[in-house]
Amino acid sequence: MFDWTFISHYAPFFVSGAEMTLFISVFGIILAIVVGLVCAGIEIARIPVLWQVVRVYIELSRNTPLLVQLYFLYFGLPKLGLVWSAELCAIVGLGFLGGSYMAEAMRGGLETIPEVQRESAYVLGLSPWQTLSRVVVPQAISTSIPGVVANVIFLIKESSVV
């Protein structure tokens, strides 16, 4: 006979764990999307020093395991005088790892837009900001959605490491 009292006793712990996982995942994914968008923009614009910093960040983040990054955030930063809560370390860790993957997915989407699209927008009299917001980004979003969604799923699965 199955003991349901065991389940009723420990169910609140599972519910609170699921809530914490959802909280960390959602905010980690939001941070990853923001970081990825900024890094993709820097890579596309080829800003001299920042472009190299972003490339180093992407290579470092993608080539180290999440567990190592989390250990550094939780145990290494206090040695430098910066103490964060466990939840904040988890969110920043997921955002740091996911940002590099998101940057590559978004950069790929932005690079698929032909240069003739930008040139045509400039000929029509659109400013660089209008060209970016009305011509380039809408097309790039449709191209990069599969990669971004795959990275969101990857980050949800990686939250188990936290």
Protein backbone atom coordinates (compact mmCIF):
# COMPACT_ATOMS: atom_id res chain seq x y z
CA MET A 1 0.00 0.00 0.00
CA PHE A 2 1.34 3.43 -0.96
CA ASP A 3 1.86 5.85 1.93
CA TRP A 4 0.08 9.11 0.98
CA THR A 5 1.05 10.76 4.25
CA PHE A 6 4.62 10.89 2.97
CA ILE A 7 3.46 12.82 -0.10
CA SER A 8 1.25 15.18 1.89
CA HIS A 9 4.10 15.86 4.30
CA TYR A 10 6.71 16.69 1.64
CA ALA A 11 4.49 18.25 -1.06
CA PRO A 12 4.98 21.82 0.24
CA PHE A 13 8.74 21.42 -0.18
CA PHE A 14 8.30 20.34 -3.78
CA VAL A 15 5.95 23.25 -4.46
CA SER A 16 8.36 25.80 -2.97
CA GLY A 17 11.21 24.23 -4.96
CA ALA A 18 9.20 24.49 -8.17
CA GLU A 19 8.38 28.12 -7.40
CA MET A 20 12.05 28.92 -6.81
CA THR A 21 13.06 27.14 -10.03
CA LEU A 22 10.46 29.10 -11.98
CA PHE A 23 11.59 32.38 -10.38
CA ILE A 24 15.26 31.77 -11.13
CA SER A 25 14.54 30.54 -14.66
CA VAL A 26 12.31 33.47 -15.63
CA PHE A 27 14.66 36.16 -14.38
CA GLY A 28 17.73 34.33 -15.70
CA ILE A 29 16.13 34.11 -19.14
CA ILE A 30 15.15 37.80 -19.11
CA LEU A 31 18.72 38.73 -18.17
CA ALA A 32 20.09 36.42 -20.86
CA ILE A 33 17.90 38.02 -23.54
CA VAL A 34 18.96 41.53 -22.53
CA VAL A 35 22.66 40.59 -22.40
CA GLY A 36 22.36 38.73 -25.70
CA LEU A 37 20.70 41.66 -27.43
CA VAL A 38 23.35 44.11 -26.22
CA CYS A 39 26.20 41.79 -27.18
CA ALA A 40 24.69 41.06 -30.60
CA GLY A 41 24.33 44.78 -31.23
CA ILE A 42 27.96 45.39 -30.28
CA GLU A 43 29.10 42.55 -32.54
CA ILE A 44 27.08 43.80 -35.51
CA ALA A 45 28.28 47.40 -35.00
CA ARG A 46 31.92 46.19 -34.68
CA ILE A 47 32.77 48.74 -31.99
CA PRO A 48 36.56 48.26 -31.80
CA VAL A 49 37.33 47.52 -28.14
CA LEU A 50 33.86 46.40 -27.06
CA TRP A 51 33.65 43.91 -29.92
CA GLN A 52 36.77 42.14 -28.66
CA VAL A 53 35.49 42.17 -25.07
CA VAL A 54 32.20 40.63 -26.21
CA ARG A 55 34.04 37.93 -28.19
CA VAL A 56 36.12 37.03 -25.11
CA TYR A 57 32.97 36.97 -22.95
CA ILE A 58 31.17 34.68 -25.41
CA GLU A 59 34.09 32.28 -25.71
CA LEU A 60 34.67 32.22 -21.95
CA SER A 61 31.01 31.74 -21.11
CA ARG A 62 30.29 29.08 -23.71
CA ASN A 63 33.43 27.07 -22.92
CA THR A 64 33.07 26.81 -19.15
CA PRO A 65 30.42 24.72 -17.41
CA LEU A 66 27.59 26.45 -15.59
CA LEU A 67 28.60 24.77 -12.34
CA VAL A 68 32.06 26.37 -12.51
CA GLN A 69 30.51 29.76 -13.20
CA LEU A 70 28.12 29.34 -10.27
CA TYR A 71 30.97 28.31 -7.96
CA PHE A 72 32.87 31.42 -8.96
CA LEU A 73 29.86 33.65 -8.34
CA TYR A 74 28.90 32.10 -5.00
CA PHE A 75 32.30 31.24 -3.54
CA GLY A 76 34.77 33.36 -5.51
CA LEU A 77 33.15 36.78 -5.42
CA PRO A 78 33.01 36.91 -1.60
CA LYS A 79 36.80 36.52 -1.62
CA LEU A 80 36.83 39.75 -3.66
CA GLY A 81 34.48 41.45 -1.20
CA LEU A 82 31.26 41.06 -3.21
CA VAL A 83 28.66 38.93 -1.41
CA TRP A 84 25.43 38.03 -3.24
CA SER A 85 22.50 35.89 -2.18
CA ALA A 86 22.21 32.38 -3.58
CA GLU A 87 19.21 33.39 -5.70
CA LEU A 88 21.02 36.35 -7.22
CA CYS A 89 24.07 34.19 -7.99
CA ALA A 90 21.79 31.69 -9.73
CA ILE A 91 20.06 34.37 -11.80
CA VAL A 92 23.33 36.05 -12.77
CA GLY A 93 24.89 32.68 -13.56
CA LEU A 94 22.04 31.69 -15.87
CA GLY A 95 22.04 35.17 -17.41
CA PHE A 96 25.81 35.05 -17.95
CA LEU A 97 25.69 31.64 -19.62
CA GLY A 98 22.49 32.26 -21.56
CA GLY A 99 23.56 35.72 -22.69
CA SER A 100 26.40 34.31 -24.74
CA TYR A 101 24.14 31.77 -26.45
CA MET A 102 21.45 34.39 -27.02
CA ALA A 103 24.05 36.78 -28.47
CA GLU A 104 25.06 34.21 -31.07
CA ALA A 105 21.44 33.42 -31.99
CA MET A 106 20.54 37.10 -32.29
CA ARG A 107 23.73 37.97 -34.16
CA GLY A 108 22.94 35.23 -36.64
CA GLY A 109 19.47 36.66 -37.13
CA LEU A 110 20.82 40.18 -37.66
CA GLU A 111 23.44 38.99 -40.13
CA THR A 112 20.85 37.31 -42.34
CA ILE A 113 19.38 40.68 -43.30
CA PRO A 114 20.86 41.69 -46.66
CA GLU A 115 22.72 45.00 -46.83
CA VAL A 116 20.40 46.07 -49.65
CA GLN A 117 17.57 46.30 -47.09
CA ARG A 118 19.49 48.91 -45.10
CA GLU A 119 20.56 50.77 -48.23
CA SER A 120 16.97 50.87 -49.48
CA ALA A 121 15.78 52.25 -46.16
CA TYR A 122 18.44 54.99 -46.25
CA VAL A 123 17.45 55.88 -49.83
CA LEU A 124 13.83 56.21 -48.72
CA GLY A 125 14.96 58.73 -46.10
CA LEU A 126 14.77 56.64 -42.95
CA SER A 127 17.19 57.51 -40.17
CA PRO A 128 19.55 54.83 -38.85
CA TRP A 129 17.27 54.32 -35.82
CA GLN A 130 14.17 54.01 -38.03
CA THR A 131 16.02 51.61 -40.31
CA LEU A 132 16.99 49.46 -37.37
CA SER A 133 13.59 49.48 -35.66
CA ARG A 134 11.33 49.26 -38.73
CA VAL A 135 13.33 47.26 -41.27
CA VAL A 136 16.18 45.27 -39.75
CA VAL A 137 14.92 44.12 -36.33
CA PRO A 138 11.47 42.85 -37.45
CA GLN A 139 13.09 40.66 -40.08
CA ALA A 140 15.87 39.54 -37.73
CA ILE A 141 13.38 38.54 -35.04
CA SER A 142 11.62 36.09 -37.31
CA THR A 143 14.94 34.53 -38.27
CA SER A 144 16.33 34.27 -34.74
CA ILE A 145 13.20 33.00 -32.95
CA PRO A 146 14.08 29.29 -33.32
CA GLY A 147 17.53 29.84 -31.80
CA VAL A 148 16.21 32.01 -28.99
CA VAL A 149 13.47 29.49 -28.12
CA ALA A 150 16.03 26.66 -28.14
CA ASN A 151 18.21 28.69 -25.78
CA VAL A 152 15.24 29.38 -23.47
CA ILE A 153 14.61 25.64 -23.26
CA PHE A 154 18.34 25.07 -22.66
CA LEU A 155 18.33 27.58 -19.78
CA ILE A 156 15.26 25.99 -18.18
CA LYS A 157 17.03 22.63 -18.28
CA GLU A 158 20.25 24.20 -16.95
CA SER A 159 18.36 25.59 -13.95
CA SER A 160 18.56 22.07 -12.51
CA VAL A 161 22.28 22.67 -11.97
CA VAL A 162 21.41 25.55 -9.66
